[in-house]
Amino acid sequence: MPQAPAPRRGRIADDGLVLGIRECLSPHPHPRAPIGSRANEDGVPMIEIMTVCTGNVCRSPLAATMLATRLADLDVKVTSAGTYGLQGESMTDETKRLAAQLAVDPALIEGHRATYLTEAHLRTPDLILAMSREHRRRIVELNPARLRSTLTLREFARLAAEVPDADIVGDAAAAGDDDSRRLKAAIDAVTGVRGLTPPPADPADDDIVDPYRRSWETYELTASQLAPAVEQVVRVVRLALTR
């Protein structure tokens, strides 16, 4: 009996860069992505989501690996980096413990290595999710063109909760068949309620607390802020990309 295929793993890359697409001499049923763009192994354009924190060893890799695990069946690539990235470091032991509790793919947990954020990382993502307002400010300083596609994770979740499923599905469908345009339409639907939704009483409520070198209770607080926000991102992406 032939063996069943192995479960598909989440797509995650900590350097955030795609160097190119392999050439194929035979006809292909899908449009080819340009050299240097994001594409899956068949050359089909992919969606890219990036998460950003400070050291890239706690908050952003936890968010990234959660997203990659929960969106593993879609052509979505998830990247992460830090504004003061501890280059080459793995997640902290506490973050690994949280990730395991949140059912993250073990291979993604062990495979993560921290990356220092550069302007080049910011050129391709369709959506950039900062763990705090300070990270968002740094992202926009590096690449001002990414202002509209960069939100803090909790801000995105707060706004997305105000947008009905039907609105996201309708706006994505109106954008056509291109996944990147569909996701952009969904993001626009989310950010479009910004002026209609009261801001949080405390602006810090749009941030995720940094647990680095702090107590386990602080790590648990981080997870309690981060995990529900990630689920809102998963909801929006699935509604946008599922036909």
Protein backbone atom coordinates (compact mmCIF):
# COMPACT_ATOMS: atom_id res chain seq x y z
CA MET A 1 0.00 0.00 0.00
CA PRO A 2 1.38 3.47 -0.80
CA GLN A 3 2.11 5.60 2.22
CA ALA A 4 -0.05 8.62 2.91
CA PRO A 5 1.68 11.95 2.30
CA ALA A 6 3.21 13.64 5.31
CA PRO A 7 1.21 16.53 6.81
CA ARG A 8 2.01 19.85 5.23
CA ARG A 9 4.13 22.03 7.48
CA GLY A 10 3.72 25.75 7.89
CA ARG A 11 5.80 27.92 5.62
CA ILE A 12 8.08 30.14 7.65
CA ALA A 13 11.37 31.86 6.89
CA ASP A 14 13.15 34.06 9.39
CA ASP A 15 15.23 36.00 6.86
CA GLY A 16 12.15 37.19 5.01
CA LEU A 17 13.86 37.08 1.62
CA VAL A 18 13.12 34.98 -1.44
CA LEU A 19 16.16 34.81 -3.70
CA GLY A 20 14.42 33.62 -6.82
CA ILE A 21 12.28 31.05 -8.53
CA ARG A 22 13.69 27.97 -10.22
CA GLU A 23 13.24 27.86 -13.98
CA CYS A 24 10.89 25.30 -15.50
CA LEU A 25 11.04 24.25 -19.14
CA SER A 26 7.67 22.51 -19.28
CA PRO A 27 4.33 24.36 -19.59
CA HIS A 28 2.81 25.34 -16.25
CA PRO A 29 -0.90 25.74 -15.51
CA HIS A 30 -0.36 28.74 -13.21
CA PRO A 31 1.02 32.21 -13.99
CA ARG A 32 4.74 32.38 -13.25
CA ALA A 33 5.91 34.79 -10.57
CA PRO A 34 8.66 37.23 -11.56
CA ILE A 35 12.23 36.41 -10.59
CA GLY A 36 12.89 37.68 -7.08
CA SER A 37 9.25 37.72 -6.01
CA ARG A 38 7.51 35.49 -3.48
CA ALA A 39 6.44 32.14 -4.90
CA ASN A 40 5.80 28.60 -3.79
CA GLU A 41 7.72 25.62 -5.15
CA ASP A 42 5.51 25.60 -8.26
CA GLY A 43 6.18 29.24 -9.04
CA VAL A 44 2.70 30.37 -7.95
CA PRO A 45 2.74 33.78 -6.23
CA MET A 46 2.39 33.52 -2.44
CA ILE A 47 1.06 35.74 0.28
CA GLU A 48 3.66 36.93 2.79
CA ILE A 49 3.00 38.06 6.35
CA MET A 50 5.74 39.44 8.58
CA THR A 51 5.83 39.87 12.36
CA VAL A 52 8.26 42.22 14.09
CA CYS A 53 9.35 42.72 17.70
CA THR A 54 12.62 43.72 19.39
CA GLY A 55 14.91 40.71 19.75
CA ASN A 56 12.96 38.26 17.55
CA VAL A 57 13.18 35.62 20.27
CA CYS A 58 9.82 36.02 22.08
CA ARG A 59 6.81 37.85 20.67
CA SER A 60 7.31 37.96 16.91
CA PRO A 61 8.46 34.33 16.52
CA LEU A 62 5.57 33.14 18.68
CA ALA A 63 3.13 35.06 16.47
CA ALA A 64 4.87 33.93 13.28
CA THR A 65 4.96 30.25 14.17
CA MET A 66 1.33 30.35 15.28
CA LEU A 67 0.33 31.93 11.97
CA ALA A 68 2.42 29.49 9.94
CA THR A 69 0.89 26.51 11.76
CA ARG A 70 -2.69 27.71 11.43
CA LEU A 71 -2.34 28.75 7.78
CA ALA A 72 -0.24 25.76 6.69
CA ASP A 73 -2.83 24.60 4.15
CA LEU A 74 -2.72 27.92 2.27
CA ASP A 75 0.03 29.45 0.12
CA VAL A 76 1.10 31.81 2.88
CA LYS A 77 4.69 32.47 3.88
CA VAL A 78 5.33 33.89 7.35
CA THR A 79 8.52 35.73 8.24
CA SER A 80 9.74 37.43 11.40
CA ALA A 81 12.52 39.77 12.47
CA GLY A 82 13.56 42.08 15.30
CA THR A 83 14.46 45.76 15.39
CA TYR A 84 17.38 44.76 17.62
CA GLY A 85 17.42 41.15 16.49
CA LEU A 86 19.60 38.77 18.46
CA GLN A 87 20.95 37.36 15.21
CA GLY A 88 20.94 33.57 15.08
CA GLU A 89 19.41 33.02 18.52
CA SER A 90 16.60 30.56 19.07
CA MET A 91 13.38 31.37 20.91
CA THR A 92 13.68 31.68 24.65
CA ASP A 93 12.82 28.51 26.54
CA GLU A 94 9.69 30.15 27.91
CA THR A 95 8.53 31.10 24.40
CA LYS A 96 9.11 27.54 23.22
CA ARG A 97 6.98 26.33 26.12
CA LEU A 98 4.18 28.75 25.19
CA ALA A 99 4.39 27.76 21.53
CA ALA A 100 4.04 24.09 22.43
CA GLN A 101 1.02 24.87 24.61
CA LEU A 102 -0.51 26.75 21.66
CA ALA A 103 -0.10 23.70 19.38
CA VAL A 104 2.59 25.23 17.16
CA ASP A 105 4.38 22.83 14.80
CA PRO A 106 7.41 21.57 16.78
CA ALA A 107 9.65 21.87 13.71
CA LEU A 108 8.88 25.58 13.51
CA ILE A 109 9.63 26.05 17.19
CA GLU A 110 13.04 24.39 16.96
CA GLY A 111 13.86 25.82 13.55
CA HIS A 112 13.49 29.49 14.44
CA ARG A 113 16.61 31.66 14.42
CA ALA A 114 16.45 35.38 15.17
CA THR A 115 16.96 37.89 12.36
CA TYR A 116 17.84 41.57 12.50
CA LEU A 117 15.27 43.68 10.63
CA THR A 118 16.49 45.59 7.58
CA GLU A 119 14.72 47.66 4.96
CA ALA A 120 15.07 44.78 2.48
CA HIS A 121 12.85 42.57 4.63
CA LEU A 122 10.04 45.10 4.36
CA ARG A 123 9.77 45.21 0.57
CA THR A 124 7.68 42.12 -0.08
CA PRO A 125 5.24 41.35 2.79
CA ASP A 126 1.55 41.91 2.07
CA LEU A 127 0.92 42.53 5.77
CA ILE A 128 3.37 43.55 8.51
CA LEU A 129 2.32 43.04 12.11
CA ALA A 130 4.29 44.87 14.77
CA MET A 131 4.19 43.76 18.38
CA SER A 132 4.11 47.36 19.64
CA ARG A 133 3.63 50.91 18.41
CA GLU A 134 7.37 51.49 18.77
CA HIS A 135 8.09 48.62 16.38
CA ARG A 136 5.56 50.02 13.92
CA ARG A 137 7.30 53.40 14.08
CA ARG A 138 10.66 51.76 13.36
CA ILE A 139 9.23 49.82 10.42
CA VAL A 140 7.82 52.96 8.85
CA GLU A 141 11.12 54.79 9.43
CA LEU A 142 12.93 52.05 7.49
CA ASN A 143 10.36 51.95 4.69
CA PRO A 144 7.77 54.76 4.68
CA ALA A 145 5.92 53.09 1.81
CA ARG A 146 4.76 50.37 4.21
CA LEU A 147 2.71 52.73 6.40
CA ARG A 148 -0.68 51.51 5.16
CA SER A 149 0.16 47.81 5.38
CA THR A 150 1.72 47.93 8.86
CA LEU A 151 -0.31 47.68 12.05
CA THR A 152 0.34 46.43 15.52
CA LEU A 153 -1.01 42.91 15.93
CA ARG A 154 -3.48 43.94 18.62
CA GLU A 155 -4.65 46.97 16.62
CA PHE A 156 -5.32 44.71 13.63
CA ALA A 157 -7.29 42.33 15.85
CA ARG A 158 -9.23 45.14 17.51
CA LEU A 159 -10.29 46.57 14.15
CA ALA A 160 -10.93 43.18 12.51
CA ALA A 161 -13.36 42.25 15.27
CA GLU A 162 -15.57 45.11 14.06
CA VAL A 163 -15.73 43.85 10.45
CA PRO A 164 -18.34 41.18 9.61
CA ASP A 165 -17.24 38.07 7.72
CA ALA A 166 -19.52 38.99 4.82
CA ASP A 167 -17.78 42.35 4.31
CA ILE A 168 -14.34 40.74 4.15
CA VAL A 169 -15.53 38.01 1.78
CA GLY A 170 -17.32 40.52 -0.45
CA ASP A 171 -14.41 42.93 -0.68
CA ALA A 172 -11.96 40.10 -1.38
CA ALA A 173 -14.19 38.66 -4.10
CA ALA A 174 -14.51 42.07 -5.75
CA ALA A 175 -10.69 42.25 -5.95
CA GLY A 176 -10.55 39.27 -8.32
CA ASP A 177 -8.53 36.06 -8.26
CA ASP A 178 -5.09 37.38 -7.33
CA ASP A 179 -4.40 36.42 -3.72
CA SER A 180 -2.32 39.50 -2.97
CA ARG A 181 -5.10 41.80 -4.19
CA ARG A 182 -7.70 39.82 -2.28
CA LEU A 183 -5.73 40.14 0.94
CA LYS A 184 -5.13 43.84 0.33
CA ALA A 185 -8.88 44.33 -0.07
CA ALA A 186 -9.45 42.49 3.21
CA ILE A 187 -6.81 44.60 4.97
CA ASP A 188 -8.44 47.74 3.58
CA ALA A 189 -11.77 46.55 4.98
CA VAL A 190 -10.14 46.17 8.39
CA THR A 191 -8.28 49.49 8.39
CA GLY A 192 -11.35 51.21 6.95
CA VAL A 193 -13.12 51.04 10.31
CA ARG A 194 -10.25 52.82 12.08
CA GLY A 195 -12.04 56.16 12.09
CA LEU A 196 -15.34 54.56 13.08
CA THR A 197 -14.00 52.58 16.04
CA PRO A 198 -13.06 54.33 19.28
CA PRO A 199 -9.36 53.99 20.06
CA PRO A 200 -8.42 52.13 23.23
CA ALA A 201 -8.61 54.18 26.41
CA ASP A 202 -4.94 53.36 26.97
CA PRO A 203 -2.87 53.45 23.75
CA ALA A 204 -0.66 50.73 25.25
CA ASP A 205 -3.58 48.33 24.80
CA ASP A 206 -2.50 48.08 21.15
CA ASP A 207 0.89 46.71 22.30
CA ILE A 208 1.89 43.23 23.42
CA VAL A 209 3.94 43.24 26.60
CA ASP A 210 7.60 42.25 26.21
CA PRO A 211 8.34 39.22 28.43
CA TYR A 212 12.08 38.98 27.71
CA ARG A 213 14.04 38.18 30.89
CA ARG A 214 10.89 38.54 32.96
CA SER A 215 8.74 36.13 34.98
CA TRP A 216 6.75 33.20 33.66
CA GLU A 217 3.61 35.11 34.65
CA THR A 218 4.67 37.86 32.24
CA TYR A 219 5.12 35.29 29.48
CA GLU A 220 1.60 34.05 30.18
CA LEU A 221 0.31 37.62 29.96
CA THR A 222 2.07 38.00 26.62
CA ALA A 223 0.40 34.85 25.32
CA SER A 224 -3.01 35.98 26.57
CA GLN A 225 -2.65 39.20 24.53
CA LEU A 226 -1.04 37.62 21.48
CA ALA A 227 -2.98 34.40 20.86
CA PRO A 228 -6.47 35.91 20.40
CA ALA A 229 -5.02 38.57 18.12
CA VAL A 230 -3.35 35.93 15.95
CA GLU A 231 -6.68 34.14 15.60
CA GLN A 232 -8.23 37.32 14.21
CA VAL A 233 -5.46 37.52 11.61
CA VAL A 234 -6.07 33.88 10.68
CA ARG A 235 -9.79 34.62 10.34
CA VAL A 236 -9.23 37.57 7.98
CA VAL A 237 -6.64 35.76 5.84
CA ARG A 238 -8.84 32.67 5.48
CA LEU A 239 -11.89 34.72 4.56
CA ALA A 240 -9.84 36.64 2.00
CA LEU A 241 -8.16 33.68 0.32
CA THR A 242 -10.79 30.95 0.50
CA ARG A 243 -12.99 30.81 -2.58
